Amino acid sequence: MVALSRTGRAVLEARRRETAARLAEQIALLTAEEQRALYAALPALEALSERAATYPGELPRGI
């Protein structure tokens, strides 16, 4: 069994916060129309993410 140390978890969480902050900054630069399109695409992106987590290394059909 492998587990992160307390320090490792703290580093991981800090990196996730930094990544989320950078992404939020980039999204803020999009036009309102682009932001709406991104928001509309979220369900499909979430489905792809769930599929990737369930079947790592496999691409959905048609890709």
Protein backbone atom coordinates (compact mmCIF):
# COMPACT_ATOMS: atom_id res chain seq x y z
CA MET A 1 0.00 0.00 0.00
CA VAL A 2 1.21 3.49 -0.84
CA ALA A 3 0.03 6.66 0.86
CA LEU A 4 1.01 10.32 0.83
CA SER A 5 2.67 11.73 3.89
CA ARG A 6 1.15 14.73 5.63
CA THR A 7 3.74 16.90 3.88
CA GLY A 8 2.98 15.26 0.54
CA ARG A 9 -0.74 15.94 0.95
CA ALA A 10 -0.02 19.57 1.79
CA VAL A 11 2.17 19.95 -1.30
CA LEU A 12 -0.47 18.31 -3.50
CA GLU A 13 -3.22 20.57 -2.16
CA ALA A 14 -1.06 23.67 -2.65
CA ARG A 15 -0.35 22.66 -6.26
CA ARG A 16 -4.05 22.07 -6.89
CA ARG A 17 -4.92 25.51 -5.49
CA GLU A 18 -2.21 27.14 -7.62
CA THR A 19 -3.42 25.34 -10.75
CA ALA A 20 -7.04 26.30 -10.06
CA ALA A 21 -6.06 29.94 -9.52
CA ARG A 22 -4.09 30.04 -12.81
CA LEU A 23 -7.00 28.43 -14.65
CA ALA A 24 -9.45 30.94 -13.15
CA GLU A 25 -7.21 33.79 -14.30
CA GLN A 26 -7.17 32.41 -17.85
CA ILE A 27 -10.93 31.85 -17.89
CA ALA A 28 -11.43 35.46 -16.79
CA LEU A 29 -9.61 36.55 -19.97
CA LEU A 30 -12.18 34.80 -22.18
CA THR A 31 -15.07 36.70 -23.68
CA ALA A 32 -18.51 36.23 -22.14
CA GLU A 33 -19.46 34.09 -25.14
CA GLU A 34 -16.38 31.90 -24.70
CA GLN A 35 -17.11 31.52 -20.99
CA ARG A 36 -20.70 30.46 -21.76
CA ALA A 37 -19.41 27.90 -24.28
CA LEU A 38 -16.96 26.54 -21.70
CA TYR A 39 -19.74 26.33 -19.10
CA ALA A 40 -21.98 24.51 -21.59
CA ALA A 41 -19.19 22.01 -22.27
CA LEU A 42 -18.65 21.14 -18.60
CA PRO A 43 -21.00 18.10 -18.52
CA ALA A 44 -19.16 16.54 -21.48
CA LEU A 45 -15.77 17.32 -19.93
CA GLU A 46 -16.88 15.77 -16.62
CA ALA A 47 -18.07 12.64 -18.46
CA LEU A 48 -14.71 12.35 -20.21
CA SER A 49 -12.88 12.79 -16.91
CA GLU A 50 -14.99 10.09 -15.24
CA ARG A 51 -14.40 7.74 -18.18
CA ALA A 52 -10.67 8.38 -18.05
CA ALA A 53 -10.61 7.62 -14.33
CA THR A 54 -12.64 4.44 -14.82
CA TYR A 55 -10.82 3.22 -17.94
CA PRO A 56 -7.33 4.75 -17.86
CA GLY A 57 -5.49 4.59 -21.16
CA GLU A 58 -8.63 4.03 -23.23
CA LEU A 59 -10.12 6.61 -25.56
CA PRO A 60 -13.87 6.91 -26.09
CA ARG A 61 -15.11 5.50 -29.38
CA GLY A 62 -14.92 7.87 -32.30
CA ILE A 63 -11.76 9.62 -31.12
